[in-house]
Amino acid sequence: MPTCPFCGAPETDRFELEGRRFLVFACMFTPAVDPRLDETELTEHLARTYRRDAAGPYFRSTCDRLHRYVTRGDVAEAMRTGARPPGGA
């Protein structure tokens, strides 16, 4: 069973959505992975993609996406005005 490449938390769930498999770890890290990977390839992929020295670019791109989400469109408008964004988020 894979563990979180950042903190070592165990995998608690996995599901497939729109052709991607998502692994859910106890720490709530939920990477999308290729569903064709077997367990050995999956462990290698996690180690290669999210290893500590490569984590900077991963987190930087995640932060950039979150920043764009909250500074543009309906969410940004809701933050400026205090109105509820569409969908009740």
PDB file of N, CA and C in Angstrom:
ATOM      1  N   MET A   1       0.849  -1.177   0.000  1.00  0.00           N
ATOM      2  CA  MET A   1       0.000   0.000   0.000  1.00  0.00           C
ATOM      3  C   MET A   1       0.898   1.245   0.000  1.00  0.00           C
ATOM      4  N   PRO A   2       0.613   2.188  -0.891  1.00  0.00           N
ATOM      5  CA  PRO A   2       1.406   3.420  -0.934  1.00  0.00           C
ATOM      6  C   PRO A   2       1.220   4.255   0.329  1.00  0.00           C
ATOM      7  N   THR A   3       2.214   5.050   0.625  1.00  0.00           N
ATOM      8  CA  THR A   3       2.132   6.019   1.719  1.00  0.00           C
ATOM      9  C   THR A   3       2.390   7.408   1.147  1.00  0.00           C
ATOM     10  N   CYS A   4       1.958   8.424   1.855  1.00  0.00           N
ATOM     11  CA  CYS A   4       2.156   9.803   1.415  1.00  0.00           C
ATOM     12  C   CYS A   4       3.651  10.068   1.258  1.00  0.00           C
ATOM     13  N   PRO A   5       4.060  10.584   0.112  1.00  0.00           N
ATOM     14  CA  PRO A   5       5.479  10.848  -0.092  1.00  0.00           C
ATOM     15  C   PRO A   5       6.007  12.017   0.733  1.00  0.00           C
ATOM     16  N   PHE A   6       5.124  12.794   1.338  1.00  0.00           N
ATOM     17  CA  PHE A   6       5.546  13.930   2.141  1.00  0.00           C
ATOM     18  C   PHE A   6       5.656  13.592   3.623  1.00  0.00           C
ATOM     19  N   CYS A   7       4.638  12.901   4.139  1.00  0.00           N
ATOM     20  CA  CYS A   7       4.615  12.665   5.581  1.00  0.00           C
ATOM     21  C   CYS A   7       4.558  11.195   5.976  1.00  0.00           C
ATOM     22  N   GLY A   8       4.350  10.306   5.009  1.00  0.00           N
ATOM     23  CA  GLY A   8       4.297   8.878   5.305  1.00  0.00           C
ATOM     24  C   GLY A   8       2.947   8.368   5.759  1.00  0.00           C
ATOM     25  N   ALA A   9       1.916   9.221   5.709  1.00  0.00           N
ATOM     26  CA  ALA A   9       0.570   8.784   6.116  1.00  0.00           C
ATOM     27  C   ALA A   9       0.094   7.662   5.198  1.00  0.00           C
ATOM     28  N   PRO A  10      -0.661   6.706   5.735  1.00  0.00           N
ATOM     29  CA  PRO A  10      -1.138   5.591   4.907  1.00  0.00           C
ATOM     30  C   PRO A  10      -2.246   6.030   3.942  1.00  0.00           C
ATOM     31  N   GLU A  11      -2.378   5.283   2.872  1.00  0.00           N
ATOM     32  CA  GLU A  11      -3.477   5.494   1.931  1.00  0.00           C
ATOM     33  C   GLU A  11      -4.768   5.045   2.607  1.00  0.00           C
ATOM     34  N   THR A  12      -5.813   5.853   2.494  1.00  0.00           N
ATOM     35  CA  THR A  12      -7.081   5.506   3.123  1.00  0.00           C
ATOM     36  C   THR A  12      -8.175   5.195   2.119  1.00  0.00           C
ATOM     37  N   ASP A  13      -7.992   5.631   0.864  1.00  0.00           N
ATOM     38  CA  ASP A  13      -9.024   5.400  -0.151  1.00  0.00           C
ATOM     39  C   ASP A  13      -8.410   5.625  -1.522  1.00  0.00           C
ATOM     40  N   ARG A  14      -9.070   5.128  -2.532  1.00  0.00           N
ATOM     41  CA  ARG A  14      -8.737   5.447  -3.925  1.00  0.00           C
ATOM     42  C   ARG A  14     -10.009   5.355  -4.733  1.00  0.00           C
ATOM     43  N   PHE A  15     -10.130   6.242  -5.712  1.00  0.00           N
ATOM     44  CA  PHE A  15     -11.304   6.242  -6.569  1.00  0.00           C
ATOM     45  C   PHE A  15     -10.898   6.720  -7.958  1.00  0.00           C
ATOM     46  N   GLU A  16     -11.740   6.420  -8.939  1.00  0.00           N
ATOM     47  CA  GLU A  16     -11.494   6.848 -10.304  1.00  0.00           C
ATOM     48  C   GLU A  16     -12.560   7.840 -10.723  1.00  0.00           C
ATOM     49  N   LEU A  17     -12.086   8.868 -11.434  1.00  0.00           N
ATOM     50  CA  LEU A  17     -12.987   9.916 -11.908  1.00  0.00           C
ATOM     51  C   LEU A  17     -12.424  10.456 -13.218  1.00  0.00           C
ATOM     52  N   GLU A  18     -13.233  10.434 -14.253  1.00  0.00           N
ATOM     53  CA  GLU A  18     -12.862  10.971 -15.560  1.00  0.00           C
ATOM     54  C   GLU A  18     -11.529  10.419 -16.060  1.00  0.00           C
ATOM     55  N   GLY A  19     -11.349   9.117 -15.919  1.00  0.00           N
ATOM     56  CA  GLY A  19     -10.172   8.457 -16.461  1.00  0.00           C
ATOM     57  C   GLY A  19      -8.910   8.583 -15.635  1.00  0.00           C
ATOM     58  N   ARG A  20      -8.998   9.160 -14.461  1.00  0.00           N
ATOM     59  CA  ARG A  20      -7.844   9.302 -13.567  1.00  0.00           C
ATOM     60  C   ARG A  20      -8.150   8.590 -12.263  1.00  0.00           C
ATOM     61  N   ARG A  21      -7.127   8.042 -11.651  1.00  0.00           N
ATOM     62  CA  ARG A  21      -7.274   7.437 -10.326  1.00  0.00           C
ATOM     63  C   ARG A  21      -6.747   8.444  -9.317  1.00  0.00           C
ATOM     64  N   PHE A  22      -7.447   8.572  -8.222  1.00  0.00           N
ATOM     65  CA  PHE A  22      -7.031   9.463  -7.144  1.00  0.00           C
ATOM     66  C   PHE A  22      -6.749   8.628  -5.909  1.00  0.00           C
ATOM     67  N   LEU A  23      -5.607   8.879  -5.312  1.00  0.00           N
ATOM     68  CA  LEU A  23      -5.249   8.224  -4.060  1.00  0.00           C
ATOM     69  C   LEU A  23      -5.506   9.213  -2.938  1.00  0.00           C
ATOM     70  N   VAL A  24      -6.128   8.775  -1.887  1.00  0.00           N
ATOM     71  CA  VAL A  24      -6.398   9.641  -0.744  1.00  0.00           C
ATOM     72  C   VAL A  24      -5.589   9.112   0.433  1.00  0.00           C
ATOM     73  N   PHE A  25      -4.767   9.973   0.992  1.00  0.00           N
ATOM     74  CA  PHE A  25      -3.959   9.602   2.149  1.00  0.00           C
ATOM     75  C   PHE A  25      -4.576  10.189   3.414  1.00  0.00           C
ATOM     76  N   ALA A  26      -4.243   9.637   4.553  1.00  0.00           N
ATOM     77  CA  ALA A  26      -4.811  10.085   5.833  1.00  0.00           C
ATOM     78  C   ALA A  26      -4.553  11.566   6.089  1.00  0.00           C
ATOM     79  N   CYS A  27      -3.490  12.116   5.513  1.00  0.00           N
ATOM     80  CA  CYS A  27      -3.172  13.535   5.688  1.00  0.00           C
ATOM     81  C   CYS A  27      -3.970  14.424   4.737  1.00  0.00           C
ATOM     82  N   MET A  28      -4.798  13.807   3.882  1.00  0.00           N
ATOM     83  CA  MET A  28      -5.661  14.464   2.897  1.00  0.00           C
ATOM     84  C   MET A  28      -4.938  14.829   1.596  1.00  0.00           C
ATOM     85  N   PHE A  29      -3.660  14.484   1.440  1.00  0.00           N
ATOM     86  CA  PHE A  29      -2.997  14.646   0.150  1.00  0.00           C
ATOM     87  C   PHE A  29      -3.668  13.671  -0.814  1.00  0.00           C
ATOM     88  N   THR A  30      -4.105  14.161  -1.978  1.00  0.00           N
ATOM     89  CA  THR A  30      -4.885  13.352  -2.913  1.00  0.00           C
ATOM     90  C   THR A  30      -4.353  13.541  -4.339  1.00  0.00           C
ATOM     91  N   PRO A  31      -3.280  12.848  -4.691  1.00  0.00           N
ATOM     92  CA  PRO A  31      -2.740  13.004  -6.045  1.00  0.00           C
ATOM     93  C   PRO A  31      -3.551  12.224  -7.070  1.00  0.00           C
ATOM     94  N   ALA A  32      -3.594  12.746  -8.289  1.00  0.00           N
ATOM     95  CA  ALA A  32      -4.187  12.038  -9.426  1.00  0.00           C
ATOM     96  C   ALA A  32      -3.081  11.227 -10.079  1.00  0.00           C
ATOM     97  N   VAL A  33      -3.361   9.969 -10.379  1.00  0.00           N
ATOM     98  CA  VAL A  33      -2.368   9.093 -10.999  1.00  0.00           C
ATOM     99  C   VAL A  33      -3.005   8.334 -12.160  1.00  0.00           C
ATOM    100  N   ASP A  34      -2.167   7.808 -13.022  1.00  0.00           N
ATOM    101  CA  ASP A  34      -2.622   7.011 -14.157  1.00  0.00           C
ATOM    102  C   ASP A  34      -3.186   5.694 -13.625  1.00  0.00           C
ATOM    103  N   PRO A  35      -4.430   5.348 -13.941  1.00  0.00           N
ATOM    104  CA  PRO A  35      -5.027   4.112 -13.416  1.00  0.00           C
ATOM    105  C   PRO A  35      -4.371   2.841 -13.951  1.00  0.00           C
ATOM    106  N   ARG A  36      -3.545   2.953 -14.986  1.00  0.00           N
ATOM    107  CA  ARG A  36      -2.878   1.775 -15.545  1.00  0.00           C
ATOM    108  C   ARG A  36      -1.635   1.371 -14.762  1.00  0.00           C
ATOM    109  N   LEU A  37      -1.198   2.203 -13.818  1.00  0.00           N
ATOM    110  CA  LEU A  37      -0.010   1.876 -13.039  1.00  0.00           C
ATOM    111  C   LEU A  37      -0.299   0.729 -12.081  1.00  0.00           C
ATOM    112  N   ASP A  38       0.617  -0.262 -12.037  1.00  0.00           N
ATOM    113  CA  ASP A  38       0.470  -1.308 -11.023  1.00  0.00           C
ATOM    114  C   ASP A  38       1.052  -0.774  -9.712  1.00  0.00           C
ATOM    115  N   GLU A  39       0.970  -1.553  -8.655  1.00  0.00           N
ATOM    116  CA  GLU A  39       1.381  -1.068  -7.330  1.00  0.00           C
ATOM    117  C   GLU A  39       2.854  -0.659  -7.283  1.00  0.00           C
ATOM    118  N   THR A  40       3.724  -1.427  -7.933  1.00  0.00           N
ATOM    119  CA  THR A  40       5.151  -1.086  -7.943  1.00  0.00           C
ATOM    120  C   THR A  40       5.381   0.211  -8.704  1.00  0.00           C
ATOM    121  N   GLU A  41       4.761   0.331  -9.885  1.00  0.00           N
ATOM    122  CA  GLU A  41       4.904   1.551 -10.678  1.00  0.00           C
ATOM    123  C   GLU A  41       4.306   2.752  -9.946  1.00  0.00           C
ATOM    124  N   LEU A  42       3.227   2.527  -9.231  1.00  0.00           N
ATOM    125  CA  LEU A  42       2.575   3.590  -8.479  1.00  0.00           C
ATOM    126  C   LEU A  42       3.505   4.130  -7.395  1.00  0.00           C
ATOM    127  N   THR A  43       4.120   3.239  -6.647  1.00  0.00           N
ATOM    128  CA  THR A  43       5.056   3.654  -5.594  1.00  0.00           C
ATOM    129  C   THR A  43       6.231   4.420  -6.191  1.00  0.00           C
ATOM    130  N   GLU A  44       6.753   3.938  -7.316  1.00  0.00           N
ATOM    131  CA  GLU A  44       7.865   4.617  -7.980  1.00  0.00           C
ATOM    132  C   GLU A  44       7.444   5.992  -8.493  1.00  0.00           C
ATOM    133  N   HIS A  45       6.247   6.072  -9.059  1.00  0.00           N
ATOM    134  CA  HIS A  45       5.734   7.347  -9.566  1.00  0.00           C
ATOM    135  C   HIS A  45       5.616   8.371  -8.432  1.00  0.00           C
ATOM    136  N   LEU A  46       5.042   7.966  -7.312  1.00  0.00           N
ATOM    137  CA  LEU A  46       4.899   8.884  -6.178  1.00  0.00           C
ATOM    138  C   LEU A  46       6.256   9.365  -5.688  1.00  0.00           C
ATOM    139  N   ALA A  47       7.199   8.443  -5.570  1.00  0.00           N
ATOM    140  CA  ALA A  47       8.533   8.805  -5.092  1.00  0.00           C
ATOM    141  C   ALA A  47       9.223   9.760  -6.067  1.00  0.00           C
ATOM    142  N   ARG A  48       9.070   9.514  -7.352  1.00  0.00           N
ATOM    143  CA  ARG A  48       9.724  10.332  -8.376  1.00  0.00           C
ATOM    144  C   ARG A  48       9.049  11.705  -8.510  1.00  0.00           C
ATOM    145  N   THR A  49       7.748  11.734  -8.526  1.00  0.00           N
ATOM    146  CA  THR A  49       7.016  12.968  -8.783  1.00  0.00           C
ATOM    147  C   THR A  49       6.970  13.893  -7.574  1.00  0.00           C
ATOM    148  N   TYR A  50       6.854  13.326  -6.383  1.00  0.00           N
ATOM    149  CA  TYR A  50       6.647  14.147  -5.190  1.00  0.00           C
ATOM    150  C   TYR A  50       7.784  14.053  -4.187  1.00  0.00           C
ATOM    151  N   ARG A  51       8.955  13.597  -4.612  1.00  0.00           N
ATOM    152  CA  ARG A  51      10.071  13.498  -3.666  1.00  0.00           C
ATOM    153  C   ARG A  51      10.354  14.873  -3.067  1.00  0.00           C
ATOM    154  N   ARG A  52      10.958  14.872  -1.913  1.00  0.00           N
ATOM    155  CA  ARG A  52      11.143  16.125  -1.176  1.00  0.00           C
ATOM    156  C   ARG A  52      11.839  17.216  -1.985  1.00  0.00           C
ATOM    157  N   ASP A  53      12.860  16.871  -2.752  1.00  0.00           N
ATOM    158  CA  ASP A  53      13.557  17.910  -3.499  1.00  0.00           C
ATOM    159  C   ASP A  53      12.768  18.379  -4.718  1.00  0.00           C
ATOM    160  N   ALA A  54      11.750  17.628  -5.127  1.00  0.00           N
ATOM    161  CA  ALA A  54      10.900  18.037  -6.252  1.00  0.00           C
ATOM    162  C   ALA A  54       9.610  18.683  -5.762  1.00  0.00           C
ATOM    163  N   ALA A  55       9.369  18.689  -4.456  1.00  0.00           N
ATOM    164  CA  ALA A  55       8.105  19.177  -3.900  1.00  0.00           C
ATOM    165  C   ALA A  55       7.916  20.675  -4.137  1.00  0.00           C
ATOM    166  N   GLY A  56       8.997  21.428  -4.196  1.00  0.00           N
ATOM    167  CA  GLY A  56       8.884  22.867  -4.421  1.00  0.00           C
ATOM    168  C   GLY A  56       8.057  23.194  -5.646  1.00  0.00           C
ATOM    169  N   PRO A  57       8.414  22.647  -6.816  1.00  0.00           N
ATOM    170  CA  PRO A  57       7.603  22.937  -8.014  1.00  0.00           C
ATOM    171  C   PRO A  57       6.160  22.447  -7.895  1.00  0.00           C
ATOM    172  N   TYR A  58       5.942  21.297  -7.246  1.00  0.00           N
ATOM    173  CA  TYR A  58       4.575  20.796  -7.090  1.00  0.00           C
ATOM    174  C   TYR A  58       3.749  21.780  -6.275  1.00  0.00           C
ATOM    175  N   PHE A  59       4.252  22.184  -5.124  1.00  0.00           N
ATOM    176  CA  PHE A  59       3.496  23.094  -4.274  1.00  0.00           C
ATOM    177  C   PHE A  59       3.372  24.473  -4.904  1.00  0.00           C
ATOM    178  N   ARG A  60       4.398  24.909  -5.619  1.00  0.00           N
ATOM    179  CA  ARG A  60       4.340  26.211  -6.276  1.00  0.00           C
ATOM    180  C   ARG A  60       3.209  26.227  -7.308  1.00  0.00           C
ATOM    181  N   SER A  61       3.100  25.169  -8.120  1.00  0.00           N
ATOM    182  CA  SER A  61       2.044  25.140  -9.130  1.00  0.00           C
ATOM    183  C   SER A  61       0.667  25.030  -8.479  1.00  0.00           C
ATOM    184  N   THR A  62       0.575  24.303  -7.370  1.00  0.00           N
ATOM    185  CA  THR A  62      -0.697  24.204  -6.644  1.00  0.00           C
ATOM    186  C   THR A  62      -1.090  25.566  -6.092  1.00  0.00           C
ATOM    187  N   CYS A  63      -0.153  26.274  -5.504  1.00  0.00           N
ATOM    188  CA  CYS A  63      -0.429  27.608  -4.964  1.00  0.00           C
ATOM    189  C   CYS A  63      -0.836  28.574  -6.074  1.00  0.00           C
ATOM    190  N   ASP A  64      -0.161  28.477  -7.222  1.00  0.00           N
ATOM    191  CA  ASP A  64      -0.518  29.344  -8.349  1.00  0.00           C
ATOM    192  C   ASP A  64      -1.941  29.096  -8.811  1.00  0.00           C
ATOM    193  N   ARG A  65      -2.356  27.829  -8.886  1.00  0.00           N
ATOM    194  CA  ARG A  65      -3.723  27.516  -9.307  1.00  0.00           C
ATOM    195  C   ARG A  65      -4.736  28.040  -8.290  1.00  0.00           C
ATOM    196  N   LEU A  66      -4.462  27.862  -7.011  1.00  0.00           N
ATOM    197  CA  LEU A  66      -5.370  28.364  -5.980  1.00  0.00           C
ATOM    198  C   LEU A  66      -5.466  29.883  -6.033  1.00  0.00           C
ATOM    199  N   HIS A  67      -4.335  30.529  -6.246  1.00  0.00           N
ATOM    200  CA  HIS A  67      -4.319  31.986  -6.331  1.00  0.00           C
ATOM    201  C   HIS A  67      -5.192  32.468  -7.493  1.00  0.00           C
ATOM    202  N   ARG A  68      -5.061  31.849  -8.649  1.00  0.00           N
ATOM    203  CA  ARG A  68      -5.890  32.225  -9.796  1.00  0.00           C
ATOM    204  C   ARG A  68      -7.368  31.991  -9.490  1.00  0.00           C
ATOM    205  N   TYR A  69      -7.663  30.903  -8.797  1.00  0.00           N
ATOM    206  CA  TYR A  69      -9.058  30.577  -8.481  1.00  0.00           C
ATOM    207  C   TYR A  69      -9.701  31.660  -7.622  1.00  0.00           C
ATOM    208  N   VAL A  70      -8.986  32.142  -6.624  1.00  0.00           N
ATOM    209  CA  VAL A  70      -9.592  33.110  -5.702  1.00  0.00           C
ATOM    210  C   VAL A  70      -9.415  34.556  -6.136  1.00  0.00           C
ATOM    211  N   THR A  71      -8.677  34.801  -7.214  1.00  0.00           N
ATOM    212  CA  THR A  71      -8.514  36.193  -7.649  1.00  0.00           C
ATOM    213  C   THR A  71      -9.214  36.494  -8.955  1.00  0.00           C
ATOM    214  N   ARG A  72      -9.883  35.501  -9.525  1.00  0.00           N
ATOM    215  CA  ARG A  72     -10.582  35.705 -10.791  1.00  0.00           C
ATOM    216  C   ARG A  72     -11.996  35.149 -10.707  1.00  0.00           C
ATOM    217  N   GLY A  73     -12.860  35.705 -11.493  1.00  0.00           N
ATOM    218  CA  GLY A  73     -14.197  35.151 -11.655  1.00  0.00           C
ATOM    219  C   GLY A  73     -15.096  35.306 -10.445  1.00  0.00           C
ATOM    220  N   ASP A  74     -16.035  34.359 -10.317  1.00  0.00           N
ATOM    221  CA  ASP A  74     -17.074  34.430  -9.303  1.00  0.00           C
ATOM    222  C   ASP A  74     -16.529  34.418  -7.878  1.00  0.00           C
ATOM    223  N   VAL A  75     -15.486  33.628  -7.648  1.00  0.00           N
ATOM    224  CA  VAL A  75     -14.935  33.550  -6.295  1.00  0.00           C
ATOM    225  C   VAL A  75     -14.321  34.882  -5.897  1.00  0.00           C
ATOM    226  N   ALA A  76     -13.579  35.494  -6.812  1.00  0.00           N
ATOM    227  CA  ALA A  76     -12.969  36.793  -6.515  1.00  0.00           C
ATOM    228  C   ALA A  76     -14.044  37.830  -6.220  1.00  0.00           C
ATOM    229  N   GLU A  77     -15.100  37.826  -7.004  1.00  0.00           N
ATOM    230  CA  GLU A  77     -16.193  38.767  -6.787  1.00  0.00           C
ATOM    231  C   GLU A  77     -16.834  38.537  -5.420  1.00  0.00           C
ATOM    232  N   ALA A  78     -17.040  37.295  -5.061  1.00  0.00           N
ATOM    233  CA  ALA A  78     -17.627  36.985  -3.757  1.00  0.00           C
ATOM    234  C   ALA A  78     -16.717  37.442  -2.624  1.00  0.00           C
ATOM    235  N   MET A  79     -15.407  37.304  -2.811  1.00  0.00           N
ATOM    236  CA  MET A  79     -14.484  37.747  -1.764  1.00  0.00           C
ATOM    237  C   MET A  79     -14.490  39.265  -1.624  1.00  0.00           C
ATOM    238  N   ARG A  80     -14.627  39.973  -2.735  1.00  0.00           N
ATOM    239  CA  ARG A  80     -14.649  41.444  -2.692  1.00  0.00           C
ATOM    240  C   ARG A  80     -15.944  41.970  -2.083  1.00  0.00           C
ATOM    241  N   THR A  81     -17.063  41.326  -2.418  1.00  0.00           N
ATOM    242  CA  THR A  81     -18.353  41.880  -2.034  1.00  0.00           C
ATOM    243  C   THR A  81     -18.980  41.187  -0.822  1.00  0.00           C
ATOM    244  N   GLY A  82     -18.481  40.002  -0.472  1.00  0.00           N
ATOM    245  CA  GLY A  82     -19.070  39.255   0.628  1.00  0.00           C
ATOM    246  C   GLY A  82     -20.273  38.441   0.193  1.00  0.00           C
ATOM    247  N   ALA A  83     -20.607  38.473  -1.097  1.00  0.00           N
ATOM    248  CA  ALA A  83     -21.728  37.697  -1.618  1.00  0.00           C
ATOM    249  C   ALA A  83     -21.338  36.212  -1.702  1.00  0.00           C
ATOM    250  N   ARG A  84     -22.329  35.368  -1.678  1.00  0.00           N
ATOM    251  CA  ARG A  84     -22.056  33.922  -1.842  1.00  0.00           C
ATOM    252  C   ARG A  84     -21.782  33.644  -3.301  1.00  0.00           C
ATOM    253  N   PRO A  85     -20.698  32.910  -3.606  1.00  0.00           N
ATOM    254  CA  PRO A  85     -20.444  32.551  -5.006  1.00  0.00           C
ATOM    255  C   PRO A  85     -21.465  31.547  -5.485  1.00  0.00           C
ATOM    256  N   PRO A  86     -21.659  31.446  -6.805  1.00  0.00           N
ATOM    257  CA  PRO A  86     -22.583  30.437  -7.341  1.00  0.00           C
ATOM    258  C   PRO A  86     -22.225  29.045  -6.811  1.00  0.00           C
ATOM    259  N   GLY A  87     -23.206  28.266  -6.508  1.00  0.00           N
ATOM    260  CA  GLY A  87     -22.974  26.929  -5.975  1.00  0.00           C
ATOM    261  C   GLY A  87     -22.916  26.903  -4.457  1.00  0.00           C
ATOM    262  N   GLY A  88     -22.991  28.065  -3.821  1.00  0.00           N
ATOM    263  CA  GLY A  88     -23.046  28.137  -2.374  1.00  0.00           C
ATOM    264  C   GLY A  88     -21.749  27.863  -1.652  1.00  0.00           C
ATOM    265  N   ALA A  89     -20.624  27.955  -2.372  1.00  0.00           N
ATOM    266  CA  ALA A  89     -19.336  27.675  -1.714  1.00  0.00           C
ATOM    267  C   ALA A  89     -18.971  28.739  -0.729  1.00  0.00           C
TER     268      ALA A  89
END
